[in-house]
């Protein structure tokens, strides 16, 4: 089938550059990736991945992970293994 439709989307420049770099590593163009996404949407009859709004506990855990709260450093693997949990 001939490709005659055009898709235009506005995205943040940094997101575009990062995604295109990863796609290049995979040997894909942005057009090929979008086509794959559309095929998956069609096959799944919806998004090909789960989309959820995280609950309060998950949101808090994400914030803690991003901030580095409650992280410990260990010099050796043995030190990590024997550390209290």
Protein backbone atom coordinates (compact mmCIF):
# COMPACT_ATOMS: atom_id res chain seq x y z
CA UNK A 1 0.00 0.00 0.00
CA UNK A 2 1.33 3.45 -0.89
CA UNK A 3 2.33 5.73 1.95
CA UNK A 4 0.37 8.91 1.31
CA UNK A 5 -0.54 10.21 4.77
CA UNK A 6 1.59 12.59 6.82
CA UNK A 7 1.66 12.81 10.60
CA UNK A 8 2.84 15.96 12.36
CA UNK A 9 3.45 16.11 16.09
CA UNK A 10 5.02 18.65 18.41
CA UNK A 11 7.45 17.23 20.95
CA UNK A 12 10.17 18.69 23.14
CA UNK A 13 13.43 18.96 21.17
CA UNK A 14 15.45 17.00 23.75
CA UNK A 15 12.91 14.16 23.74
CA UNK A 16 13.06 14.05 19.94
CA UNK A 17 16.87 13.95 19.88
CA UNK A 18 17.08 11.24 22.56
CA UNK A 19 14.42 9.09 20.90
CA UNK A 20 15.96 9.44 17.44
CA UNK A 21 19.40 8.50 18.80
CA UNK A 22 17.96 5.33 20.34
CA UNK A 23 16.03 4.54 17.18
CA UNK A 24 19.24 4.91 15.12
CA UNK A 25 20.91 2.36 17.41
CA UNK A 26 18.00 0.03 16.66
CA UNK A 27 18.34 0.69 12.94
CA UNK A 28 14.97 2.45 12.71
CA UNK A 29 13.90 5.81 11.37
CA UNK A 30 11.27 7.90 13.13
CA UNK A 31 8.86 7.03 10.31
CA UNK A 32 9.47 3.30 10.79
CA UNK A 33 9.02 3.61 14.57
CA UNK A 34 5.75 5.50 14.19
CA UNK A 35 4.52 2.94 11.67
CA UNK A 36 5.39 0.13 14.12
CA UNK A 37 3.54 1.97 16.88
CA UNK A 38 0.44 2.41 14.71
CA UNK A 39 0.53 -1.27 13.72
CA UNK A 40 0.71 -2.27 17.39
CA UNK A 41 -2.16 0.07 18.30
CA UNK A 42 -4.22 -1.56 15.56
CA UNK A 43 -3.27 -5.11 16.56
CA UNK A 44 -3.94 -4.49 20.28
CA UNK A 45 -7.02 -2.38 19.57
CA UNK A 46 -5.54 0.18 21.95
CA UNK A 47 -2.18 1.27 23.29
CA UNK A 48 0.38 -1.55 23.21
CA UNK A 49 1.38 -0.82 26.81
CA UNK A 50 -0.40 -0.16 30.07
CA UNK A 51 -1.08 3.47 30.98
CA UNK A 52 -1.88 4.17 34.61
CA UNK A 53 -1.97 7.04 37.04
CA UNK A 54 0.26 5.96 39.93
CA UNK A 55 -1.25 5.81 43.42
CA UNK A 56 0.09 7.96 46.27
CA UNK A 57 2.45 5.25 47.54
CA UNK A 58 4.01 4.76 44.11
CA UNK A 59 4.28 8.51 43.54
CA UNK A 60 6.08 8.94 46.88
CA UNK A 61 8.45 6.06 46.09
CA UNK A 62 9.26 7.63 42.72
CA UNK A 63 9.98 11.00 44.35
CA UNK A 64 12.24 9.35 46.93
CA UNK A 65 14.11 7.43 44.25
CA UNK A 66 14.60 10.56 42.14
CA UNK A 67 15.83 12.60 45.12
CA UNK A 68 18.16 9.88 46.37
CA UNK A 69 16.45 9.82 49.77
CA UNK A 70 17.26 6.85 52.00
CA UNK A 71 20.08 5.62 49.78
CA UNK A 72 23.19 4.03 51.22
CA UNK A 73 26.62 3.57 49.69
CA UNK A 74 28.72 0.46 50.09
CA UNK A 75 32.38 0.00 49.27
CA UNK A 76 32.10 -3.71 48.53
CA UNK A 77 29.51 -6.27 47.60
CA UNK A 78 30.16 -8.07 50.89
CA UNK A 79 29.39 -4.87 52.81
CA UNK A 80 26.11 -4.59 50.92
CA UNK A 81 25.20 -8.22 51.63
CA UNK A 82 25.78 -7.86 55.37
CA UNK A 83 24.10 -4.48 55.77
CA UNK A 84 20.92 -4.39 57.87
CA UNK A 85 17.77 -4.00 55.84
